[in-house]
Amino acid sequence: MPAKDRYHDNVKNALIKDGWTITDDPFHLKWGKRDMYVDLGAEKLIAAEKEGQQIAVEIKTFRSVSDMTALEHALGQYLAYRSVMIRTNPARSRPLSRCSG
């Protein structure tokens, strides 16, 4: 399992404070023989008559020598995770319809 990002606990606590329930820490994805770990999985009930929203949260700190290299790495990770989630966990692969905050 990968190491937690330096802001992992801060993001987790912010999600909990906003009403999200942390379902996975980390959120495990499997594709064939490959294992991937998104930092957090969370869900939030919108209302009693609606289905709950589910999200996966990947936390990144850009601390490398090159911000562009860090961005390229983060984007590659996002695309890989999203591709697997579309196939294995489609409820978490849809973009949120609105952001709170």
Protein backbone atom coordinates (compact mmCIF):
# COMPACT_ATOMS: atom_id res chain seq x y z
CA MET A 1 0.00 0.00 0.00
CA PRO A 2 1.29 3.48 -0.81
CA ALA A 3 2.24 6.00 1.85
CA LYS A 4 -0.30 8.64 2.84
CA ASP A 5 0.13 12.14 1.47
CA ARG A 6 1.04 14.77 4.04
CA TYR A 7 -2.47 16.31 3.84
CA HIS A 8 -4.34 13.00 3.93
CA ASP A 9 -5.77 13.40 7.43
CA ASN A 10 -6.72 17.05 6.81
CA VAL A 11 -8.69 16.14 3.67
CA LYS A 12 -10.30 13.17 5.42
CA ASN A 13 -11.37 15.34 8.37
CA ALA A 14 -12.74 18.03 6.03
CA LEU A 15 -14.84 15.43 4.20
CA ILE A 16 -16.21 14.08 7.49
CA LYS A 17 -16.98 17.62 8.69
CA ASP A 18 -18.89 18.22 5.43
CA GLY A 19 -21.09 15.19 6.09
CA TRP A 20 -19.30 12.52 4.04
CA THR A 21 -18.88 9.00 5.43
CA ILE A 22 -15.44 7.55 4.73
CA THR A 23 -16.06 4.08 3.32
CA ASP A 24 -12.51 3.11 2.33
CA ASP A 25 -9.10 4.36 3.47
CA PRO A 26 -7.57 3.62 1.03
CA PHE A 27 -10.06 2.75 -1.72
CA HIS A 28 -8.84 -0.43 -3.44
CA LEU A 29 -9.14 -0.87 -7.21
CA LYS A 30 -8.21 -4.09 -8.96
CA TRP A 31 -7.75 -4.50 -12.70
CA GLY A 32 -6.58 -7.94 -13.73
CA LYS A 33 -3.55 -8.69 -11.58
CA ARG A 34 -2.94 -5.01 -10.83
CA ASP A 35 -3.81 -3.40 -7.51
CA MET A 36 -4.33 0.35 -7.26
CA TYR A 37 -5.16 2.43 -4.21
CA VAL A 38 -7.02 5.73 -4.34
CA ASP A 39 -6.48 7.66 -1.10
CA LEU A 40 -10.10 7.75 0.09
CA GLY A 41 -13.54 6.46 -0.81
CA ALA A 42 -16.53 8.34 0.60
CA GLU A 43 -20.29 8.55 0.30
CA LYS A 44 -22.88 11.12 1.29
CA LEU A 45 -26.62 10.75 1.45
CA ILE A 46 -28.30 13.65 -0.32
CA ALA A 47 -31.84 13.07 0.97
CA ALA A 48 -33.95 10.15 2.09
CA GLU A 49 -35.66 9.86 -1.29
CA LYS A 50 -32.50 10.08 -3.39
CA GLU A 51 -29.59 7.72 -3.88
CA GLY A 52 -26.33 8.53 -2.13
CA GLN A 53 -23.37 10.03 -3.96
CA GLN A 54 -20.10 8.13 -3.89
CA ILE A 55 -16.69 9.61 -4.58
CA ALA A 56 -13.07 8.54 -4.67
CA VAL A 57 -10.52 11.14 -3.55
CA GLU A 58 -6.86 11.13 -4.56
CA ILE A 59 -4.78 13.60 -2.55
CA LYS A 60 -1.69 15.12 -4.13
CA THR A 61 1.07 17.40 -2.88
CA PHE A 62 3.23 18.78 -5.67
CA ARG A 63 6.62 18.76 -4.00
CA SER A 64 8.86 17.61 -6.84
CA VAL A 65 11.53 19.68 -8.54
CA SER A 66 9.24 20.17 -11.54
CA ASP A 67 5.60 21.12 -10.99
CA MET A 68 4.89 20.07 -14.57
CA THR A 69 6.28 16.57 -13.98
CA ALA A 70 4.18 16.27 -10.82
CA LEU A 71 1.09 17.43 -12.72
CA GLU A 72 1.72 14.93 -15.52
CA HIS A 73 2.09 12.13 -12.96
CA ALA A 74 -1.10 13.16 -11.14
CA LEU A 75 -3.06 13.40 -14.40
CA GLY A 76 -1.83 9.97 -15.48
CA GLN A 77 -2.90 8.50 -12.14
CA TYR A 78 -6.32 10.17 -12.42
CA LEU A 79 -6.89 8.83 -15.94
CA ALA A 80 -5.84 5.30 -14.94
CA TYR A 81 -8.04 5.26 -11.83
CA ARG A 82 -11.02 6.73 -13.68
CA SER A 83 -10.69 4.20 -16.50
CA VAL A 84 -10.73 1.29 -14.04
CA MET A 85 -13.56 2.80 -11.97
CA ILE A 86 -15.77 3.24 -15.06
CA ARG A 87 -15.49 -0.52 -15.59
CA THR A 88 -15.52 -1.78 -12.01
CA ASN A 89 -17.27 0.86 -9.89
CA PRO A 90 -19.29 3.18 -12.14
CA ALA A 91 -21.12 4.87 -9.23
CA ARG A 92 -17.83 6.53 -8.23
CA SER A 93 -16.74 7.46 -11.75
CA ARG A 94 -19.43 10.06 -12.47
CA PRO A 95 -18.48 13.68 -11.80
CA LEU A 96 -20.39 15.29 -8.92
CA SER A 97 -23.27 17.42 -10.15
CA ARG A 98 -22.47 20.16 -7.69
CA CYS A 99 -19.74 21.04 -5.23
CA SER A 100 -20.50 22.05 -1.68
CA GLY A 101 -18.53 24.49 0.30
